[in-house]
Every structure is written in structure tokens, then in C-alpha cells.
N, C-alpha and C. Protein backbone atom coordinates (compact mmCIF):
# COMPACT_ATOMS: atom_id res chain seq x y z
N MET A 1 27.58 0.20 -16.42
CA MET A 1 26.91 1.29 -15.92
C MET A 1 25.77 1.11 -15.44
N SER A 2 25.56 1.63 -13.90
CA SER A 2 24.50 1.05 -13.32
C SER A 2 23.88 2.54 -12.98
N VAL A 3 22.34 2.17 -12.84
CA VAL A 3 21.56 3.43 -11.88
C VAL A 3 21.50 3.81 -10.46
N PRO A 4 21.69 4.91 -10.22
CA PRO A 4 22.07 5.33 -8.79
C PRO A 4 21.34 5.12 -8.01
N ILE A 5 21.81 4.85 -6.83
CA ILE A 5 20.72 4.77 -6.08
C ILE A 5 19.83 6.13 -5.72
N GLU A 6 20.07 6.83 -5.68
CA GLU A 6 18.95 7.95 -5.83
C GLU A 6 17.63 8.09 -6.20
N TYR A 7 17.72 7.48 -7.98
CA TYR A 7 16.82 7.03 -8.33
C TYR A 7 15.66 6.25 -7.58
N TYR A 8 16.24 5.42 -7.32
CA TYR A 8 15.31 4.50 -6.65
C TYR A 8 14.06 5.18 -5.18
N LEU A 9 15.40 5.90 -4.32
CA LEU A 9 14.87 6.35 -4.06
C LEU A 9 14.15 7.72 -4.06
N ILE A 10 14.16 8.61 -5.20
CA ILE A 10 13.45 9.43 -5.55
C ILE A 10 12.12 8.33 -5.89
N LEU A 11 11.88 7.56 -7.23
CA LEU A 11 10.43 7.21 -7.35
C LEU A 11 9.94 6.69 -5.84
N SER A 12 10.51 5.79 -5.23
CA SER A 12 9.35 5.36 -4.07
C SER A 12 9.09 6.39 -3.09
N GLY A 13 10.01 7.57 -3.04
CA GLY A 13 9.33 8.67 -2.63
C GLY A 13 7.92 9.35 -2.87
N PHE A 14 8.19 9.04 -4.27
CA PHE A 14 7.24 9.76 -4.93
C PHE A 14 5.40 8.91 -5.38
N MET A 15 6.23 6.95 -4.88
CA MET A 15 5.08 6.33 -4.74
C MET A 15 4.65 6.66 -3.75
N PHE A 16 5.18 7.06 -2.59
CA PHE A 16 4.78 7.12 -1.19
C PHE A 16 3.60 8.27 -0.63
N LEU A 17 4.48 9.60 -1.56
CA LEU A 17 3.45 10.60 -1.45
C LEU A 17 1.85 10.07 -2.21
N VAL A 18 2.63 9.73 -3.58
CA VAL A 18 0.85 9.48 -4.05
C VAL A 18 0.05 8.63 -3.01
N GLY A 19 0.53 7.93 -2.50
CA GLY A 19 -0.35 7.17 -1.96
C GLY A 19 -1.11 7.56 -0.71
N VAL A 20 -0.59 8.43 -0.09
CA VAL A 20 -0.72 9.59 0.76
C VAL A 20 -1.76 10.25 0.79
N ALA A 21 -2.19 11.06 -0.71
CA ALA A 21 -2.44 12.03 -1.15
C ALA A 21 -3.97 10.87 -1.15
N GLY A 22 -3.78 10.01 -2.14
CA GLY A 22 -4.98 9.65 -2.65
C GLY A 22 -5.97 8.44 -1.17
N VAL A 23 -5.23 8.36 0.01
CA VAL A 23 -5.39 8.31 1.50
C VAL A 23 -6.17 9.16 1.76
N LEU A 24 -6.14 10.54 1.83
CA LEU A 24 -5.86 11.55 2.25
C LEU A 24 -7.26 13.05 1.83
N THR A 25 -6.99 12.42 -0.20
CA THR A 25 -8.39 12.91 -0.68
C THR A 25 -9.44 12.25 -1.24
N ARG A 26 -9.52 10.72 -1.28
CA ARG A 26 -9.98 10.21 -1.46
C ARG A 26 -11.50 9.92 -0.83
N ARG A 27 -12.75 10.26 -1.08
CA ARG A 27 -13.45 8.96 -0.15
C ARG A 27 -14.21 7.41 -0.50
N ASN A 28 -13.52 6.86 -1.89
CA ASN A 28 -13.58 5.43 -2.13
C ASN A 28 -13.35 5.05 -1.13
N ALA A 29 -13.69 4.03 -0.69
CA ALA A 29 -12.74 2.19 0.03
C ALA A 29 -11.78 1.59 -0.71
N ILE A 30 -12.66 1.60 -1.83
CA ILE A 30 -11.00 1.13 -2.94
C ILE A 30 -9.70 2.18 -3.49
N ILE A 31 -10.64 3.07 -3.48
CA ILE A 31 -9.41 3.83 -4.07
C ILE A 31 -8.24 4.12 -2.89
N VAL A 32 -8.98 4.13 -1.99
CA VAL A 32 -8.04 4.77 -0.31
C VAL A 32 -7.29 2.84 -0.30
N PHE A 33 -8.17 1.65 -0.53
CA PHE A 33 -7.38 0.67 -0.33
C PHE A 33 -6.06 0.56 -1.04
N MET A 34 -6.18 1.13 -2.49
CA MET A 34 -5.36 1.12 -3.56
C MET A 34 -3.55 1.57 -2.91
N SER A 35 -4.21 3.15 -2.65
CA SER A 35 -3.33 3.91 -2.07
C SER A 35 -2.64 3.55 -1.07
N ILE A 36 -2.91 2.58 -0.23
CA ILE A 36 -2.02 1.61 0.52
C ILE A 36 -1.30 0.74 0.19
N GLU A 37 -1.72 0.24 -0.71
CA GLU A 37 -0.90 -1.23 -1.29
C GLU A 37 -0.20 -0.11 -1.97
N LEU A 38 0.02 0.48 -2.26
CA LEU A 38 0.75 2.04 -3.19
C LEU A 38 1.47 1.94 -2.60
N MET A 39 1.37 2.81 -1.07
CA MET A 39 2.60 2.98 -0.24
C MET A 39 3.09 1.87 0.16
N LEU A 40 2.50 0.58 0.85
CA LEU A 40 3.12 -0.48 0.79
C LEU A 40 4.23 -1.00 -0.14
N ASN A 41 4.43 -0.71 -1.53
CA ASN A 41 4.97 -1.72 -2.57
C ASN A 41 5.80 0.16 -2.79
N SER A 42 5.78 1.25 -2.27
CA SER A 42 6.83 2.50 -2.35
C SER A 42 7.95 1.50 -1.16
N ALA A 43 8.05 1.21 0.35
CA ALA A 43 8.30 0.92 1.40
C ALA A 43 8.85 -0.65 0.40
N ASN A 44 8.78 -1.51 0.01
CA ASN A 44 8.97 -2.63 -0.84
C ASN A 44 10.18 -2.11 -1.23
N LEU A 45 9.95 -0.80 -2.57
CA LEU A 45 11.39 -0.86 -3.05
C LEU A 45 12.36 -0.16 -1.87
N THR A 46 12.30 0.62 -1.62
CA THR A 46 13.44 1.48 -0.76
C THR A 46 13.64 -0.19 0.07
N LEU A 47 13.51 -0.90 0.34
CA LEU A 47 13.90 -1.97 1.43
C LEU A 47 15.32 -2.99 -0.05
N VAL A 48 14.62 -2.88 -1.45
CA VAL A 48 15.03 -3.75 -2.14
C VAL A 48 16.32 -2.93 -2.05
N THR A 49 15.72 -1.73 -2.66
CA THR A 49 17.52 -0.18 -3.09
C THR A 49 18.19 -1.03 -2.00
N PHE A 50 18.25 -0.42 -0.60
CA PHE A 50 18.69 -0.63 0.48
C PHE A 50 19.71 -2.51 0.30
N SER A 51 19.06 -3.07 0.36
CA SER A 51 19.53 -4.36 0.40
C SER A 51 20.35 -4.12 -0.68
N SER A 52 20.20 -4.14 -2.36
CA SER A 52 20.90 -3.80 -3.18
C SER A 52 22.35 -3.25 -2.79
N TYR A 53 22.04 -2.32 -2.12
CA TYR A 53 23.47 -1.13 -2.06
C TYR A 53 24.21 -1.74 -0.95
N MET A 54 23.63 -2.07 -0.18
CA MET A 54 24.66 -2.83 0.53
C MET A 54 25.21 -4.40 0.87
N GLY A 55 25.02 -5.02 -0.59
CA GLY A 55 24.90 -5.94 -0.68
C GLY A 55 24.24 -6.89 0.59
N ASN A 56 23.46 -7.15 0.86
CA ASN A 56 22.72 -7.71 2.19
C ASN A 56 21.51 -8.29 1.57
N SER A 57 21.06 -9.30 1.55
CA SER A 57 19.63 -10.24 1.07
C SER A 57 18.84 -10.14 2.05
N ALA A 58 19.14 -9.03 3.67
CA ALA A 58 17.69 -9.97 4.66
C ALA A 58 16.73 -8.42 4.17
N GLY A 59 17.24 -7.79 3.21
CA GLY A 59 16.07 -6.99 2.81
C GLY A 59 14.82 -6.74 2.20
N GLN A 60 15.46 -7.97 1.05
CA GLN A 60 14.69 -9.05 -0.05
C GLN A 60 14.12 -9.97 0.75
N LEU A 61 14.22 -10.11 1.82
CA LEU A 61 13.86 -11.77 2.65
C LEU A 61 12.43 -11.13 3.72
N PHE A 62 12.55 -9.22 3.92
CA PHE A 62 12.08 -9.16 4.55
C PHE A 62 11.32 -8.14 4.10
N VAL A 63 10.94 -7.79 2.61
CA VAL A 63 10.15 -7.79 1.54
C VAL A 63 9.00 -9.13 1.05
N PHE A 64 9.31 -10.16 0.75
CA PHE A 64 8.94 -11.41 0.76
C PHE A 64 7.98 -11.38 1.77
N PHE A 65 8.18 -11.21 3.30
CA PHE A 65 7.35 -11.48 4.16
C PHE A 65 5.92 -10.52 3.90
N VAL A 66 7.01 -8.91 3.57
CA VAL A 66 5.88 -8.17 3.49
C VAL A 66 4.44 -8.05 2.67
N MET A 67 5.09 -8.82 1.68
CA MET A 67 4.26 -9.27 -0.09
C MET A 67 3.20 -9.34 0.80
N THR A 68 3.97 -11.54 1.52
CA THR A 68 3.36 -12.37 1.60
C THR A 68 1.77 -11.87 2.64
N VAL A 69 1.86 -10.92 3.85
CA VAL A 69 1.01 -10.19 4.54
C VAL A 69 0.47 -8.92 3.61
N ALA A 70 0.98 -8.82 2.59
CA ALA A 70 -0.07 -8.18 1.90
C ALA A 70 -0.87 -8.59 1.11
N ALA A 71 -0.30 -9.43 1.06
CA ALA A 71 -1.22 -10.31 -0.31
C ALA A 71 -2.71 -10.79 0.67
N ALA A 72 -2.16 -11.58 1.72
CA ALA A 72 -3.46 -12.01 2.90
C ALA A 72 -4.44 -10.22 3.44
N GLU A 73 -4.03 -9.48 3.43
CA GLU A 73 -4.47 -8.05 3.80
C GLU A 73 -5.83 -7.96 2.76
N ALA A 74 -4.95 -7.75 1.03
CA ALA A 74 -5.78 -7.71 0.62
C ALA A 74 -6.95 -8.72 -0.14
N ALA A 75 -6.77 -9.96 1.11
CA ALA A 75 -8.11 -10.90 0.49
C ALA A 75 -9.43 -10.05 1.38
N VAL A 76 -8.49 -10.31 2.88
CA VAL A 76 -9.56 -9.87 3.70
C VAL A 76 -10.04 -8.41 3.96
N GLY A 77 -9.24 -7.14 2.79
CA GLY A 77 -9.69 -6.19 3.30
C GLY A 77 -10.47 -6.51 2.06
N LEU A 78 -10.33 -6.15 0.66
CA LEU A 78 -11.44 -6.39 -0.45
C LEU A 78 -13.04 -6.98 0.61
N ALA A 79 -12.60 -8.75 0.75
CA ALA A 79 -14.29 -9.04 0.95
C ALA A 79 -14.73 -7.91 2.70
N ILE A 80 -14.05 -7.73 3.22
CA ILE A 80 -15.07 -6.56 4.16
C ILE A 80 -15.63 -5.48 3.18
N ILE A 81 -15.01 -5.15 2.14
CA ILE A 81 -15.36 -3.67 1.64
C ILE A 81 -16.05 -4.58 0.79
N ILE A 82 -16.22 -5.74 0.22
CA ILE A 82 -18.14 -6.64 -0.59
C ILE A 82 -18.63 -6.49 0.76
N ALA A 83 -18.07 -7.01 1.96
CA ALA A 83 -20.00 -7.40 3.14
C ALA A 83 -20.47 -5.45 3.37
N ILE A 84 -19.18 -4.35 3.37
CA ILE A 84 -19.87 -3.04 3.75
C ILE A 84 -21.00 -2.38 2.58
N PHE A 85 -20.53 -3.05 0.95
CA PHE A 85 -21.27 -2.81 0.29
C PHE A 85 -22.49 -3.03 0.25
N ARG A 86 -22.58 -4.48 0.28
CA ARG A 86 -23.82 -5.20 0.29
C ARG A 86 -24.72 -4.71 1.36
N ASN A 87 -24.33 -4.28 2.20
CA ASN A 87 -24.92 -3.93 3.68
C ASN A 87 -25.59 -2.67 3.15
N LYS A 88 -24.73 -1.94 2.81
CA LYS A 88 -24.45 0.27 3.02
C LYS A 88 -25.47 0.33 1.52
N LEU A 89 -24.75 -0.56 0.71
CA LEU A 89 -24.33 -0.07 -0.58
C LEU A 89 -24.19 1.22 -0.86
N THR A 90 -22.95 1.61 -0.41
CA THR A 90 -22.25 2.68 -0.84
C THR A 90 -20.48 2.43 -0.97
N LEU A 91 -19.44 2.86 -1.42
CA LEU A 91 -18.16 2.79 -1.34
C LEU A 91 -17.68 4.33 -0.50
N ASN A 92 -18.42 5.11 -0.36
CA ASN A 92 -17.60 6.01 0.28
C ASN A 92 -18.24 5.71 1.76
N ILE A 93 -16.83 6.33 2.16
CA ILE A 93 -16.25 6.12 3.42
C ILE A 93 -16.71 6.85 4.51
N ASP A 94 -17.42 8.77 4.22
CA ASP A 94 -18.06 9.06 4.86
C ASP A 94 -19.35 8.71 5.50
N GLU A 95 -19.55 8.44 4.30
CA GLU A 95 -21.13 7.70 4.32
C GLU A 95 -21.53 6.09 4.75
N ILE A 96 -20.56 5.48 5.28
CA ILE A 96 -20.05 3.92 6.30
C ILE A 96 -19.64 4.66 7.57
N ASN A 97 -20.78 4.24 8.47
CA ASN A 97 -20.92 4.77 10.21
C ASN A 97 -21.23 3.62 10.81
N ILE A 98 -20.30 2.60 10.30
CA ILE A 98 -20.62 0.92 11.21
C ILE A 98 -20.99 0.64 12.55
N LEU A 99 -19.89 1.97 13.05
CA LEU A 99 -19.66 1.77 14.43
C LEU A 99 -20.12 2.55 15.01
N LYS A 100 -21.27 3.36 14.53
CA LYS A 100 -22.03 4.56 15.53
C LYS A 100 -23.30 3.52 15.75
N TRP A 101 -23.65 4.54 16.80
CA TRP A 101 -24.97 3.86 17.65
C TRP A 101 -26.57 4.02 16.62
């Protein structure tokens, strides 16, 4: 007895929608960052689902590279967030206007 592909796709879609809602509604940089990571993991789940369904390991290999890039992005992103917090003393996206004169 196996789990139908629709269950994985519904879970992936729900995860992606939660990530989009987090990016659009929250103003805290850490929560926005975590929401972006949630959307990346949702895309990874979809890639693994279709890779398993089609019997091809190319999708799983692509997920490996996406996770590698996401780990590097997390390290650089958190370093940038810490640097901005040290200068502005806030993580509210609306108050961080470093590109304005």
C-alpha cells in the first residue's frame, strides 16, 4: 500500500502557501527568511515526489543542489540580517531603509 501522489502535492502546495503568506504578511526579517526557506522546501518536496513517481533520480539530484544552495543562502542571509540588526537595532523590514539617501 503506497501513499498517492496527490497527498504529497497537496502537502507541498500547503507548505508553499504558508510560505507565501509569511512573506506577504510578516514584517520581521527572520520570519520572512524562514518563510522563503519553507517555499524552497516545498519545491524540493515536489521535485522528489515527481522524481519518485517517474522512476528517475534526476529530480532527487536537483534537490541535492537546491539544498546546497539553500544552506549557503541561509548562512549569508543570516549574516546580513545580523549586520543590519547591529546597525539599525531592528528587524522590522519597514524600518530598514538602507538603500535610501
